Amino acid sequence: LERAVPAECAEFGMYGPRPTADDIVAAKTALVWWADPAVAHPVTFRWIDASADADDSRLIVVDPGETQTAAESDHDVRPEPGTDVALARAVLARVVERGDVDETVIDRSTTGFA
């Protein structure tokens, strides 16, 4: 943890709490990118899986390999090597296009976003 905190602060500009079980269960969409929480974080994955099974919620996994989490997902996206950054940019562009961004967070956390 001693090294993780400075690394996370450098990468994300902060070190803070992760989403709670309530946040995860309330989500309409869970996007898991290059991770396998079914194996690495089974308790968290139970929350993700329960949320994806509820109502109109869904689980999307982006990973080039076969994972246990992907096997449970609604959408298993397997980008070719070297295309994941282009996919991430396309997803971000769509989020911005739809206006699904928190302007307060953007203003507080970024420079030159517009």
PDB file of N, CA and C in Angstrom:
ATOM      1  N   LEU A   1       0.822  -1.196   0.000  1.00  0.00           N
ATOM      2  CA  LEU A   1       0.000   0.000   0.000  1.00  0.00           C
ATOM      3  C   LEU A   1       0.863   1.256   0.000  1.00  0.00           C
ATOM      4  N   GLU A   2       2.034   1.164   0.591  1.00  0.00           N
ATOM      5  CA  GLU A   2       2.910   2.325   0.673  1.00  0.00           C
ATOM      6  C   GLU A   2       3.262   2.862  -0.710  1.00  0.00           C
ATOM      7  N   ARG A   3       3.444   1.977  -1.687  1.00  0.00           N
ATOM      8  CA  ARG A   3       3.734   2.402  -3.060  1.00  0.00           C
ATOM      9  C   ARG A   3       2.462   2.660  -3.863  1.00  0.00           C
ATOM     10  N   ALA A   4       1.384   2.005  -3.504  1.00  0.00           N
ATOM     11  CA  ALA A   4       0.148   2.127  -4.272  1.00  0.00           C
ATOM     12  C   ALA A   4      -0.454   3.522  -4.171  1.00  0.00           C
ATOM     13  N   VAL A   5      -0.418   4.122  -2.996  1.00  0.00           N
ATOM     14  CA  VAL A   5      -1.043   5.428  -2.811  1.00  0.00           C
ATOM     15  C   VAL A   5      -0.368   6.485  -3.686  1.00  0.00           C
ATOM     16  N   PRO A   6       0.964   6.654  -3.658  1.00  0.00           N
ATOM     17  CA  PRO A   6       1.582   7.654  -4.542  1.00  0.00           C
ATOM     18  C   PRO A   6       1.357   7.349  -6.027  1.00  0.00           C
ATOM     19  N   ALA A   7       1.363   6.073  -6.384  1.00  0.00           N
ATOM     20  CA  ALA A   7       1.139   5.710  -7.789  1.00  0.00           C
ATOM     21  C   ALA A   7      -0.274   6.077  -8.221  1.00  0.00           C
ATOM     22  N   GLU A   8      -1.246   5.800  -7.375  1.00  0.00           N
ATOM     23  CA  GLU A   8      -2.628   6.126  -7.717  1.00  0.00           C
ATOM     24  C   GLU A   8      -2.825   7.634  -7.766  1.00  0.00           C
ATOM     25  N   CYS A   9      -2.209   8.359  -6.860  1.00  0.00           N
ATOM     26  CA  CYS A   9      -2.308   9.819  -6.884  1.00  0.00           C
ATOM     27  C   CYS A   9      -1.700  10.376  -8.166  1.00  0.00           C
ATOM     28  N   ALA A  10      -0.558   9.831  -8.581  1.00  0.00           N
ATOM     29  CA  ALA A  10       0.085  10.289  -9.811  1.00  0.00           C
ATOM     30  C   ALA A  10      -0.761   9.963 -11.032  1.00  0.00           C
ATOM     31  N   GLU A  11      -1.365   8.796 -11.054  1.00  0.00           N
ATOM     32  CA  GLU A  11      -2.143   8.355 -12.215  1.00  0.00           C
ATOM     33  C   GLU A  11      -3.518   9.011 -12.293  1.00  0.00           C
ATOM     34  N   PHE A  12      -4.221   9.062 -11.165  1.00  0.00           N
ATOM     35  CA  PHE A  12      -5.607   9.519 -11.164  1.00  0.00           C
ATOM     36  C   PHE A  12      -5.817  10.869 -10.485  1.00  0.00           C
ATOM     37  N   GLY A  13      -4.754  11.445  -9.934  1.00  0.00           N
ATOM     38  CA  GLY A  13      -4.884  12.736  -9.285  1.00  0.00           C
ATOM     39  C   GLY A  13      -5.497  12.676  -7.903  1.00  0.00           C
ATOM     40  N   MET A  14      -5.724  11.459  -7.400  1.00  0.00           N
ATOM     41  CA  MET A  14      -6.336  11.302  -6.085  1.00  0.00           C
ATOM     42  C   MET A  14      -6.181   9.868  -5.613  1.00  0.00           C
ATOM     43  N   TYR A  15      -6.386   9.692  -4.339  1.00  0.00           N
ATOM     44  CA  TYR A  15      -6.505   8.363  -3.773  1.00  0.00           C
ATOM     45  C   TYR A  15      -7.744   8.404  -2.924  1.00  0.00           C
ATOM     46  N   GLY A  16      -8.683   7.555  -3.223  1.00  0.00           N
ATOM     47  CA  GLY A  16      -9.924   7.641  -2.479  1.00  0.00           C
ATOM     48  C   GLY A  16     -10.658   6.328  -2.440  1.00  0.00           C
ATOM     49  N   PRO A  17     -11.809   6.383  -1.816  1.00  0.00           N
ATOM     50  CA  PRO A  17     -12.596   5.156  -1.676  1.00  0.00           C
ATOM     51  C   PRO A  17     -13.128   4.660  -3.014  1.00  0.00           C
ATOM     52  N   ARG A  18     -13.267   3.387  -3.102  1.00  0.00           N
ATOM     53  CA  ARG A  18     -13.835   2.755  -4.294  1.00  0.00           C
ATOM     54  C   ARG A  18     -15.359   2.776  -4.197  1.00  0.00           C
ATOM     55  N   PRO A  19     -16.020   2.435  -5.279  1.00  0.00           N
ATOM     56  CA  PRO A  19     -17.486   2.358  -5.193  1.00  0.00           C
ATOM     57  C   PRO A  19     -17.905   1.366  -4.107  1.00  0.00           C
ATOM     58  N   THR A  20     -18.997   1.670  -3.469  1.00  0.00           N
ATOM     59  CA  THR A  20     -19.515   0.778  -2.439  1.00  0.00           C
ATOM     60  C   THR A  20     -20.395  -0.289  -3.083  1.00  0.00           C
ATOM     61  N   ALA A  21     -20.772  -1.262  -2.306  1.00  0.00           N
ATOM     62  CA  ALA A  21     -21.690  -2.294  -2.798  1.00  0.00           C
ATOM     63  C   ALA A  21     -22.984  -1.655  -3.273  1.00  0.00           C
ATOM     64  N   ASP A  22     -23.459  -0.634  -2.559  1.00  0.00           N
ATOM     65  CA  ASP A  22     -24.690   0.049  -2.968  1.00  0.00           C
ATOM     66  C   ASP A  22     -24.531   0.718  -4.325  1.00  0.00           C
ATOM     67  N   ASP A  23     -23.364   1.347  -4.563  1.00  0.00           N
ATOM     68  CA  ASP A  23     -23.098   1.980  -5.860  1.00  0.00           C
ATOM     69  C   ASP A  23     -23.122   0.950  -6.975  1.00  0.00           C
ATOM     70  N   ILE A  24     -22.460  -0.169  -6.743  1.00  0.00           N
ATOM     71  CA  ILE A  24     -22.355  -1.209  -7.767  1.00  0.00           C
ATOM     72  C   ILE A  24     -23.722  -1.804  -8.073  1.00  0.00           C
ATOM     73  N   VAL A  25     -24.478  -2.129  -7.042  1.00  0.00           N
ATOM     74  CA  VAL A  25     -25.787  -2.748  -7.236  1.00  0.00           C
ATOM     75  C   VAL A  25     -26.750  -1.776  -7.923  1.00  0.00           C
ATOM     76  N   ALA A  26     -26.601  -0.481  -7.694  1.00  0.00           N
ATOM     77  CA  ALA A  26     -27.493   0.518  -8.286  1.00  0.00           C
ATOM     78  C   ALA A  26     -27.150   0.829  -9.747  1.00  0.00           C
ATOM     79  N   ALA A  27     -25.982   0.413 -10.205  1.00  0.00           N
ATOM     80  CA  ALA A  27     -25.549   0.749 -11.568  1.00  0.00           C
ATOM     81  C   ALA A  27     -26.396   0.045 -12.623  1.00  0.00           C
ATOM     82  N   LYS A  28     -26.706   0.762 -13.682  1.00  0.00           N
ATOM     83  CA  LYS A  28     -27.434   0.157 -14.806  1.00  0.00           C
ATOM     84  C   LYS A  28     -26.470  -0.590 -15.722  1.00  0.00           C
ATOM     85  N   THR A  29     -25.225  -0.138 -15.769  1.00  0.00           N
ATOM     86  CA  THR A  29     -24.204  -0.786 -16.593  1.00  0.00           C
ATOM     87  C   THR A  29     -22.915  -0.889 -15.798  1.00  0.00           C
ATOM     88  N   ALA A  30     -22.327  -2.063 -15.791  1.00  0.00           N
ATOM     89  CA  ALA A  30     -20.997  -2.259 -15.211  1.00  0.00           C
ATOM     90  C   ALA A  30     -20.051  -2.545 -16.367  1.00  0.00           C
ATOM     91  N   LEU A  31     -19.002  -1.756 -16.453  1.00  0.00           N
ATOM     92  CA  LEU A  31     -17.985  -1.935 -17.489  1.00  0.00           C
ATOM     93  C   LEU A  31     -16.702  -2.397 -16.815  1.00  0.00           C
ATOM     94  N   VAL A  32     -16.276  -3.605 -17.137  1.00  0.00           N
ATOM     95  CA  VAL A  32     -15.037  -4.157 -16.590  1.00  0.00           C
ATOM     96  C   VAL A  32     -14.036  -4.194 -17.730  1.00  0.00           C
ATOM     97  N   TRP A  33     -12.941  -3.463 -17.584  1.00  0.00           N
ATOM     98  CA  TRP A  33     -11.965  -3.305 -18.661  1.00  0.00           C
ATOM     99  C   TRP A  33     -10.640  -3.906 -18.211  1.00  0.00           C
ATOM    100  N   TRP A  34     -10.210  -4.941 -18.891  1.00  0.00           N
ATOM    101  CA  TRP A  34      -8.928  -5.608 -18.641  1.00  0.00           C
ATOM    102  C   TRP A  34      -8.784  -6.038 -17.183  1.00  0.00           C
ATOM    103  N   ALA A  35      -9.800  -6.680 -16.687  1.00  0.00           N
ATOM    104  CA  ALA A  35      -9.748  -7.192 -15.320  1.00  0.00           C
ATOM    105  C   ALA A  35     -10.651  -8.413 -15.235  1.00  0.00           C
ATOM    106  N   ASP A  36     -10.414  -9.224 -14.228  1.00  0.00           N
ATOM    107  CA  ASP A  36     -11.235 -10.412 -14.023  1.00  0.00           C
ATOM    108  C   ASP A  36     -11.647 -10.486 -12.556  1.00  0.00           C
ATOM    109  N   PRO A  37     -12.589  -9.617 -12.153  1.00  0.00           N
ATOM    110  CA  PRO A  37     -12.977  -9.613 -10.743  1.00  0.00           C
ATOM    111  C   PRO A  37     -13.599 -10.916 -10.263  1.00  0.00           C
ATOM    112  N   ALA A  38     -14.119 -11.735 -11.168  1.00  0.00           N
ATOM    113  CA  ALA A  38     -14.654 -13.031 -10.738  1.00  0.00           C
ATOM    114  C   ALA A  38     -13.556 -13.861 -10.084  1.00  0.00           C
ATOM    115  N   VAL A  39     -12.316 -13.657 -10.516  1.00  0.00           N
ATOM    116  CA  VAL A  39     -11.177 -14.385  -9.959  1.00  0.00           C
ATOM    117  C   VAL A  39     -10.445 -13.543  -8.918  1.00  0.00           C
ATOM    118  N   ALA A  40     -10.165 -12.283  -9.257  1.00  0.00           N
ATOM    119  CA  ALA A  40      -9.326 -11.446  -8.405  1.00  0.00           C
ATOM    120  C   ALA A  40     -10.072 -10.810  -7.234  1.00  0.00           C
ATOM    121  N   HIS A  41     -11.366 -10.565  -7.399  1.00  0.00           N
ATOM    122  CA  HIS A  41     -12.168  -9.909  -6.365  1.00  0.00           C
ATOM    123  C   HIS A  41     -13.556 -10.545  -6.313  1.00  0.00           C
ATOM    124  N   PRO A  42     -13.642 -11.788  -5.860  1.00  0.00           N
ATOM    125  CA  PRO A  42     -14.917 -12.513  -5.935  1.00  0.00           C
ATOM    126  C   PRO A  42     -16.072 -11.873  -5.169  1.00  0.00           C
ATOM    127  N   VAL A  43     -15.804 -11.201  -4.057  1.00  0.00           N
ATOM    128  CA  VAL A  43     -16.895 -10.562  -3.316  1.00  0.00           C
ATOM    129  C   VAL A  43     -17.445  -9.399  -4.137  1.00  0.00           C
ATOM    130  N   THR A  44     -16.571  -8.565  -4.651  1.00  0.00           N
ATOM    131  CA  THR A  44     -17.011  -7.456  -5.507  1.00  0.00           C
ATOM    132  C   THR A  44     -17.736  -7.991  -6.732  1.00  0.00           C
ATOM    133  N   PHE A  45     -17.241  -9.086  -7.299  1.00  0.00           N
ATOM    134  CA  PHE A  45     -17.893  -9.629  -8.484  1.00  0.00           C
ATOM    135  C   PHE A  45     -19.310 -10.104  -8.174  1.00  0.00           C
ATOM    136  N   ARG A  46     -19.545 -10.622  -6.986  1.00  0.00           N
ATOM    137  CA  ARG A  46     -20.916 -11.024  -6.630  1.00  0.00           C
ATOM    138  C   ARG A  46     -21.862  -9.824  -6.712  1.00  0.00           C
ATOM    139  N   TRP A  47     -21.392  -8.650  -6.267  1.00  0.00           N
ATOM    140  CA  TRP A  47     -22.213  -7.436  -6.364  1.00  0.00           C
ATOM    141  C   TRP A  47     -22.434  -7.061  -7.827  1.00  0.00           C
ATOM    142  N   ILE A  48     -21.358  -7.111  -8.618  1.00  0.00           N
ATOM    143  CA  ILE A  48     -21.464  -6.771 -10.048  1.00  0.00           C
ATOM    144  C   ILE A  48     -22.435  -7.717 -10.743  1.00  0.00           C
ATOM    145  N   ASP A  49     -22.285  -8.994 -10.483  1.00  0.00           N
ATOM    146  CA  ASP A  49     -23.128 -10.005 -11.120  1.00  0.00           C
ATOM    147  C   ASP A  49     -24.593  -9.850 -10.703  1.00  0.00           C
ATOM    148  N   ALA A  50     -24.816  -9.576  -9.430  1.00  0.00           N
ATOM    149  CA  ALA A  50     -26.188  -9.378  -8.955  1.00  0.00           C
ATOM    150  C   ALA A  50     -26.820  -8.160  -9.617  1.00  0.00           C
ATOM    151  N   SER A  51     -26.042  -7.117  -9.774  1.00  0.00           N
ATOM    152  CA  SER A  51     -26.546  -5.912 -10.432  1.00  0.00           C
ATOM    153  C   SER A  51     -26.877  -6.191 -11.886  1.00  0.00           C
ATOM    154  N   ALA A  52     -25.990  -6.909 -12.578  1.00  0.00           N
ATOM    155  CA  ALA A  52     -26.213  -7.203 -13.998  1.00  0.00           C
ATOM    156  C   ALA A  52     -27.427  -8.104 -14.199  1.00  0.00           C
ATOM    157  N   ASP A  53     -27.742  -8.925 -13.219  1.00  0.00           N
ATOM    158  CA  ASP A  53     -28.900  -9.818 -13.325  1.00  0.00           C
ATOM    159  C   ASP A  53     -30.225  -9.103 -13.039  1.00  0.00           C
ATOM    160  N   ALA A  54     -30.132  -7.933 -12.434  1.00  0.00           N
ATOM    161  CA  ALA A  54     -31.345  -7.214 -12.034  1.00  0.00           C
ATOM    162  C   ALA A  54     -31.888  -6.336 -13.161  1.00  0.00           C
ATOM    163  N   ASP A  55     -33.200  -6.278 -13.243  1.00  0.00           N
ATOM    164  CA  ASP A  55     -33.902  -5.363 -14.145  1.00  0.00           C
ATOM    165  C   ASP A  55     -33.262  -5.290 -15.531  1.00  0.00           C
ATOM    166  N   ASP A  56     -32.969  -4.063 -15.947  1.00  0.00           N
ATOM    167  CA  ASP A  56     -32.399  -3.858 -17.275  1.00  0.00           C
ATOM    168  C   ASP A  56     -30.902  -3.548 -17.209  1.00  0.00           C
ATOM    169  N   SER A  57     -30.253  -3.948 -16.134  1.00  0.00           N
ATOM    170  CA  SER A  57     -28.821  -3.714 -15.978  1.00  0.00           C
ATOM    171  C   SER A  57     -28.025  -4.701 -16.815  1.00  0.00           C
ATOM    172  N   ARG A  58     -26.762  -4.353 -17.063  1.00  0.00           N
ATOM    173  CA  ARG A  58     -25.930  -5.233 -17.881  1.00  0.00           C
ATOM    174  C   ARG A  58     -24.466  -5.141 -17.478  1.00  0.00           C
ATOM    175  N   LEU A  59     -23.748  -6.178 -17.841  1.00  0.00           N
ATOM    176  CA  LEU A  59     -22.310  -6.270 -17.597  1.00  0.00           C
ATOM    177  C   LEU A  59     -21.602  -6.351 -18.938  1.00  0.00           C
ATOM    178  N   ILE A  60     -20.666  -5.423 -19.154  1.00  0.00           N
ATOM    179  CA  ILE A  60     -19.862  -5.401 -20.365  1.00  0.00           C
ATOM    180  C   ILE A  60     -18.411  -5.631 -19.959  1.00  0.00           C
ATOM    181  N   VAL A  61     -17.757  -6.586 -20.604  1.00  0.00           N
ATOM    182  CA  VAL A  61     -16.354  -6.879 -20.319  1.00  0.00           C
ATOM    183  C   VAL A  61     -15.533  -6.610 -21.573  1.00  0.00           C
ATOM    184  N   VAL A  62     -14.452  -5.845 -21.404  1.00  0.00           N
ATOM    185  CA  VAL A  62     -13.516  -5.578 -22.489  1.00  0.00           C
ATOM    186  C   VAL A  62     -12.186  -6.210 -22.094  1.00  0.00           C
ATOM    187  N   ASP A  63     -11.816  -7.255 -22.790  1.00  0.00           N
ATOM    188  CA  ASP A  63     -10.571  -7.976 -22.504  1.00  0.00           C
ATOM    189  C   ASP A  63     -10.271  -8.859 -23.699  1.00  0.00           C
ATOM    190  N   PRO A  64      -9.032  -8.888 -24.166  1.00  0.00           N
ATOM    191  CA  PRO A  64      -8.736  -9.722 -25.337  1.00  0.00           C
ATOM    192  C   PRO A  64      -8.771 -11.222 -25.048  1.00  0.00           C
ATOM    193  N   GLY A  65      -8.715 -11.573 -23.780  1.00  0.00           N
ATOM    194  CA  GLY A  65      -8.688 -12.990 -23.432  1.00  0.00           C
ATOM    195  C   GLY A  65      -9.999 -13.493 -22.876  1.00  0.00           C
ATOM    196  N   GLU A  66     -10.071 -14.793 -22.704  1.00  0.00           N
ATOM    197  CA  GLU A  66     -11.233 -15.410 -22.078  1.00  0.00           C
ATOM    198  C   GLU A  66     -11.061 -15.319 -20.566  1.00  0.00           C
ATOM    199  N   THR A  67     -12.079 -14.783 -19.899  1.00  0.00           N
ATOM    200  CA  THR A  67     -12.026 -14.661 -18.448  1.00  0.00           C
ATOM    201  C   THR A  67     -13.326 -15.194 -17.861  1.00  0.00           C
ATOM    202  N   GLN A  68     -13.278 -15.491 -16.571  1.00  0.00           N
ATOM    203  CA  GLN A  68     -14.504 -15.935 -15.904  1.00  0.00           C
ATOM    204  C   GLN A  68     -15.539 -14.820 -15.878  1.00  0.00           C
ATOM    205  N   THR A  69     -15.075 -13.593 -15.700  1.00  0.00           N
ATOM    206  CA  THR A  69     -16.007 -12.462 -15.703  1.00  0.00           C
ATOM    207  C   THR A  69     -16.664 -12.319 -17.066  1.00  0.00           C
ATOM    208  N   ALA A  70     -15.885 -12.438 -18.128  1.00  0.00           N
ATOM    209  CA  ALA A  70     -16.434 -12.338 -19.487  1.00  0.00           C
ATOM    210  C   ALA A  70     -17.458 -13.440 -19.741  1.00  0.00           C
ATOM    211  N   ALA A  71     -17.220 -14.615 -19.197  1.00  0.00           N
ATOM    212  CA  ALA A  71     -18.161 -15.723 -19.390  1.00  0.00           C
ATOM    213  C   ALA A  71     -19.526 -15.407 -18.772  1.00  0.00           C
ATOM    214  N   GLU A  72     -19.560 -14.558 -17.761  1.00  0.00           N
ATOM    215  CA  GLU A  72     -20.808 -14.175 -17.096  1.00  0.00           C
ATOM    216  C   GLU A  72     -21.416 -12.900 -17.665  1.00  0.00           C
ATOM    217  N   SER A  73     -20.738 -12.268 -18.616  1.00  0.00           N
ATOM    218  CA  SER A  73     -21.155 -10.942 -19.089  1.00  0.00           C
ATOM    219  C   SER A  73     -22.282 -10.992 -20.108  1.00  0.00           C
ATOM    220  N   ASP A  74     -22.917  -9.841 -20.279  1.00  0.00           N
ATOM    221  CA  ASP A  74     -23.925  -9.673 -21.321  1.00  0.00           C
ATOM    222  C   ASP A  74     -23.258  -9.376 -22.658  1.00  0.00           C
ATOM    223  N   HIS A  75     -22.124  -8.675 -22.599  1.00  0.00           N
ATOM    224  CA  HIS A  75     -21.370  -8.336 -23.796  1.00  0.00           C
ATOM    225  C   HIS A  75     -19.893  -8.597 -23.515  1.00  0.00           C
ATOM    226  N   ASP A  76     -19.287  -9.454 -24.309  1.00  0.00           N
ATOM    227  CA  ASP A  76     -17.877  -9.814 -24.182  1.00  0.00           C
ATOM    228  C   ASP A  76     -17.153  -9.204 -25.384  1.00  0.00           C
ATOM    229  N   VAL A  77     -16.469  -8.080 -25.154  1.00  0.00           N
ATOM    230  CA  VAL A  77     -15.765  -7.365 -26.221  1.00  0.00           C
ATOM    231  C   VAL A  77     -14.296  -7.760 -26.171  1.00  0.00           C
ATOM    232  N   ARG A  78     -13.787  -8.284 -27.274  1.00  0.00           N
ATOM    233  CA  ARG A  78     -12.392  -8.737 -27.317  1.00  0.00           C
ATOM    234  C   ARG A  78     -11.623  -7.963 -28.382  1.00  0.00           C
ATOM    235  N   PRO A  79     -11.064  -6.821 -27.996  1.00  0.00           N
ATOM    236  CA  PRO A  79     -10.335  -6.023 -28.974  1.00  0.00           C
ATOM    237  C   PRO A  79      -9.042  -6.718 -29.414  1.00  0.00           C
ATOM    238  N   GLU A  80      -8.690  -6.477 -30.654  1.00  0.00           N
ATOM    239  CA  GLU A  80      -7.413  -6.976 -31.162  1.00  0.00           C
ATOM    240  C   GLU A  80      -6.284  -6.220 -30.459  1.00  0.00           C
ATOM    241  N   PRO A  81      -5.116  -6.850 -30.314  1.00  0.00           N
ATOM    242  CA  PRO A  81      -3.991  -6.146 -29.688  1.00  0.00           C
ATOM    243  C   PRO A  81      -3.717  -4.814 -30.394  1.00  0.00           C
ATOM    244  N   GLY A  82      -3.510  -3.783 -29.588  1.00  0.00           N
ATOM    245  CA  GLY A  82      -3.210  -2.467 -30.124  1.00  0.00           C
ATOM    246  C   GLY A  82      -4.425  -1.622 -30.450  1.00  0.00           C
ATOM    247  N   THR A  83      -5.630  -2.147 -30.261  1.00  0.00           N
ATOM    248  CA  THR A  83      -6.830  -1.365 -30.591  1.00  0.00           C
ATOM    249  C   THR A  83      -7.606  -0.907 -29.360  1.00  0.00           C
ATOM    250  N   ASP A  84      -7.157  -1.272 -28.171  1.00  0.00           N
ATOM    251  CA  ASP A  84      -7.921  -0.940 -26.976  1.00  0.00           C
ATOM    252  C   ASP A  84      -7.944   0.557 -26.687  1.00  0.00           C
ATOM    253  N   VAL A  85      -6.890   1.281 -27.026  1.00  0.00           N
ATOM    254  CA  VAL A  85      -6.891   2.727 -26.797  1.00  0.00           C
ATOM    255  C   VAL A  85      -7.903   3.398 -27.734  1.00  0.00           C
ATOM    256  N   ALA A  86      -7.945   2.962 -28.982  1.00  0.00           N
ATOM    257  CA  ALA A  86      -8.933   3.515 -29.921  1.00  0.00           C
ATOM    258  C   ALA A  86     -10.348   3.227 -29.422  1.00  0.00           C
ATOM    259  N   LEU A  87     -10.573   2.038 -28.893  1.00  0.00           N
ATOM    260  CA  LEU A  87     -11.884   1.696 -28.344  1.00  0.00           C
ATOM    261  C   LEU A  87     -12.212   2.587 -27.148  1.00  0.00           C
ATOM    262  N   ALA A  88     -11.258   2.794 -26.262  1.00  0.00           N
ATOM    263  CA  ALA A  88     -11.479   3.643 -25.088  1.00  0.00           C
ATOM    264  C   ALA A  88     -11.816   5.070 -25.519  1.00  0.00           C
ATOM    265  N   ARG A  89     -11.115   5.585 -26.515  1.00  0.00           N
ATOM    266  CA  ARG A  89     -11.405   6.935 -27.014  1.00  0.00           C
ATOM    267  C   ARG A  89     -12.796   7.010 -27.624  1.00  0.00           C
ATOM    268  N   ALA A  90     -13.196   5.976 -28.346  1.00  0.00           N
ATOM    269  CA  ALA A  90     -14.532   5.955 -28.952  1.00  0.00           C
ATOM    270  C   ALA A  90     -15.619   5.920 -27.875  1.00  0.00           C
ATOM    271  N   VAL A  91     -15.400   5.130 -26.829  1.00  0.00           N
ATOM    272  CA  VAL A  91     -16.369   5.072 -25.729  1.00  0.00           C
ATOM    273  C   VAL A  91     -16.466   6.438 -25.057  1.00  0.00           C
ATOM    274  N   LEU A  92     -15.322   7.059 -24.767  1.00  0.00           N
ATOM    275  CA  LEU A  92     -15.320   8.376 -24.136  1.00  0.00           C
ATOM    276  C   LEU A  92     -16.021   9.406 -25.029  1.00  0.00           C
ATOM    277  N   ALA A  93     -15.751   9.374 -26.333  1.00  0.00           N
ATOM    278  CA  ALA A  93     -16.399  10.320 -27.253  1.00  0.00           C
ATOM    279  C   ALA A  93     -17.918  10.167 -27.206  1.00  0.00           C
ATOM    280  N   ARG A  94     -18.392   8.948 -27.125  1.00  0.00           N
ATOM    281  CA  ARG A  94     -19.839   8.705 -27.069  1.00  0.00           C
ATOM    282  C   ARG A  94     -20.425   9.214 -25.755  1.00  0.00           C
ATOM    283  N   VAL A  95     -19.732   9.001 -24.664  1.00  0.00           N
ATOM    284  CA  VAL A  95     -20.195   9.490 -23.364  1.00  0.00           C
ATOM    285  C   VAL A  95     -20.312  11.011 -23.393  1.00  0.00           C
ATOM    286  N   VAL A  96     -19.295  11.677 -23.938  1.00  0.00           N
ATOM    287  CA  VAL A  96     -19.313  13.137 -24.027  1.00  0.00           C
ATOM    288  C   VAL A  96     -20.427  13.594 -24.970  1.00  0.00           C
ATOM    289  N   GLU A  97     -20.554  12.931 -26.110  1.00  0.00           N
ATOM    290  CA  GLU A  97     -21.588  13.275 -27.087  1.00  0.00           C
ATOM    291  C   GLU A  97     -22.991  13.218 -26.476  1.00  0.00           C
ATOM    292  N   ARG A  98     -23.211  12.230 -25.643  1.00  0.00           N
ATOM    293  CA  ARG A  98     -24.530  12.066 -25.001  1.00  0.00           C
ATOM    294  C   ARG A  98     -24.730  13.023 -23.830  1.00  0.00           C
ATOM    295  N   GLY A  99     -23.664  13.682 -23.408  1.00  0.00           N
ATOM    296  CA  GLY A  99     -23.766  14.582 -22.260  1.00  0.00           C
ATOM    297  C   GLY A  99     -23.765  13.849 -20.939  1.00  0.00           C
ATOM    298  N   ASP A 100     -23.278  12.618 -20.935  1.00  0.00           N
ATOM    299  CA  ASP A 100     -23.269  11.798 -19.722  1.00  0.00           C
ATOM    300  C   ASP A 100     -21.979  11.976 -18.925  1.00  0.00           C
ATOM    301  N   VAL A 101     -21.579  13.230 -18.725  1.00  0.00           N
ATOM    302  CA  VAL A 101     -20.389  13.535 -17.950  1.00  0.00           C
ATOM    303  C   VAL A 101     -20.780  14.426 -16.782  1.00  0.00           C
ATOM    304  N   ASP A 102     -20.025  14.329 -15.732  1.00  0.00           N
ATOM    305  CA  ASP A 102     -20.243  15.165 -14.560  1.00  0.00           C
ATOM    306  C   ASP A 102     -19.352  16.397 -14.726  1.00  0.00           C
ATOM    307  N   GLU A 103     -19.961  17.498 -15.152  1.00  0.00           N
ATOM    308  CA  GLU A 103     -19.199  18.715 -15.447  1.00  0.00           C
ATOM    309  C   GLU A 103     -18.407  19.210 -14.239  1.00  0.00           C
ATOM    310  N   THR A 104     -18.959  19.041 -13.048  1.00  0.00           N
ATOM    311  CA  THR A 104     -18.254  19.471 -11.839  1.00  0.00           C
ATOM    312  C   THR A 104     -16.948  18.706 -11.678  1.00  0.00           C
ATOM    313  N   VAL A 105     -17.000  17.400 -11.872  1.00  0.00           N
ATOM    314  CA  VAL A 105     -15.787  16.577 -11.769  1.00  0.00           C
ATOM    315  C   VAL A 105     -14.803  16.943 -12.874  1.00  0.00           C
ATOM    316  N   ILE A 106     -15.307  17.125 -14.094  1.00  0.00           N
ATOM    317  CA  ILE A 106     -14.443  17.489 -15.225  1.00  0.00           C
ATOM    318  C   ILE A 106     -13.733  18.807 -14.932  1.00  0.00           C
ATOM    319  N   ASP A 107     -14.478  19.827 -14.504  1.00  0.00           N
ATOM    320  CA  ASP A 107     -13.887  21.135 -14.226  1.00  0.00           C
ATOM    321  C   ASP A 107     -12.854  21.067 -13.107  1.00  0.00           C
ATOM    322  N   ARG A 108     -13.145  20.266 -12.085  1.00  0.00           N
ATOM    323  CA  ARG A 108     -12.255  20.171 -10.927  1.00  0.00           C
ATOM    324  C   ARG A 108     -11.013  19.324 -11.207  1.00  0.00           C
ATOM    325  N   SER A 109     -11.132  18.364 -12.123  1.00  0.00           N
ATOM    326  CA  SER A 109     -10.085  17.350 -12.255  1.00  0.00           C
ATOM    327  C   SER A 109      -9.281  17.405 -13.544  1.00  0.00           C
ATOM    328  N   THR A 110      -9.674  18.248 -14.487  1.00  0.00           N
ATOM    329  CA  THR A 110      -8.976  18.248 -15.780  1.00  0.00           C
ATOM    330  C   THR A 110      -8.606  19.660 -16.209  1.00  0.00           C
ATOM    331  N   THR A 111      -7.714  19.729 -17.181  1.00  0.00           N
ATOM    332  CA  THR A 111      -7.332  20.982 -17.814  1.00  0.00           C
ATOM    333  C   THR A 111      -7.495  20.793 -19.320  1.00  0.00           C
ATOM    334  N   GLY A 112      -8.206  21.692 -19.975  1.00  0.00           N
ATOM    335  CA  GLY A 112      -8.344  21.641 -21.414  1.00  0.00           C
ATOM    336  C   GLY A 112      -9.255  20.538 -21.926  1.00  0.00           C
ATOM    337  N   PHE A 113     -10.199  20.091 -21.110  1.00  0.00           N
ATOM    338  CA  PHE A 113     -11.076  18.995 -21.515  1.00  0.00           C
ATOM    339  C   PHE A 113     -11.944  19.358 -22.702  1.00  0.00           C
ATOM    340  N   ALA A 114     -12.493  20.561 -22.694  1.00  0.00           N
ATOM    341  CA  ALA A 114     -13.412  20.986 -23.760  1.00  0.00           C
ATOM    342  C   ALA A 114     -12.715  20.894 -25.083  1.00  0.00           C
TER     343      ALA A 114
END
